[in-house]
Amino acid sequence: MNRFKLYSAFNILLLMILVSHSQAAQAERYQMTVLPYKAQGHLVRDGHYEDAIRRISLVGNAPFPACTNLCVAHTMTGHLVKAEASCNRAVDAAKLAVKIGKRRNHDYQADLVIALSNRGVQRTRAGDLTGAEADFREGLAIKPVADLPRNNLLVLRSEVAYAVIDH
């Protein structure tokens, strides 16, 4: 009988370790969206962040694509103050486009969801978990079936839960 209790306790401990390890690995899985065919997005996509930042800064690109790609590039290089400014400009540009966008076959709301989710990831890197959650939730309120903010919100929740379990 004692052997059974010991075996059960070992299995529970092993399960807790596996869940903790899984949550820690998942915490690194935030996703950001790059616009690869606009504003040097191919460089950002391929991990050439500094080159992309330099080139976007030299060329006047469309506000939303340039700000979106700069948001990602600055976030990935750890330039969080510049990332925050670029992410905020991307959200502002996307919100304006939702109001006055003129292209018929363009989903301006999808652009806004991308901008909000990217800014949410940037905020997690800056330690603003409340702001990140608000951005992910706002993106889901706009497009409830959007995978990007939903997945990022799940990662955030698991990261917070892991931090609580770890302490």
Foldseek 3Di string as FASTA:
>chain_A
DVVVVVVVVVVVVVVVVVLLVVLVVLLPPADADAPVVFQVSVCLVVPVLVVSVVSSVVDPGDLQNNLRSNLSSCLVVVVLVSNLVSLVSNLVVLVVCVVPPDDDPDDSLVSNLNSLSSNLVSCVSVVNNVSSLVSLVVSCVSPVVDPNSVSNNVSSVSVVVSVVVVD
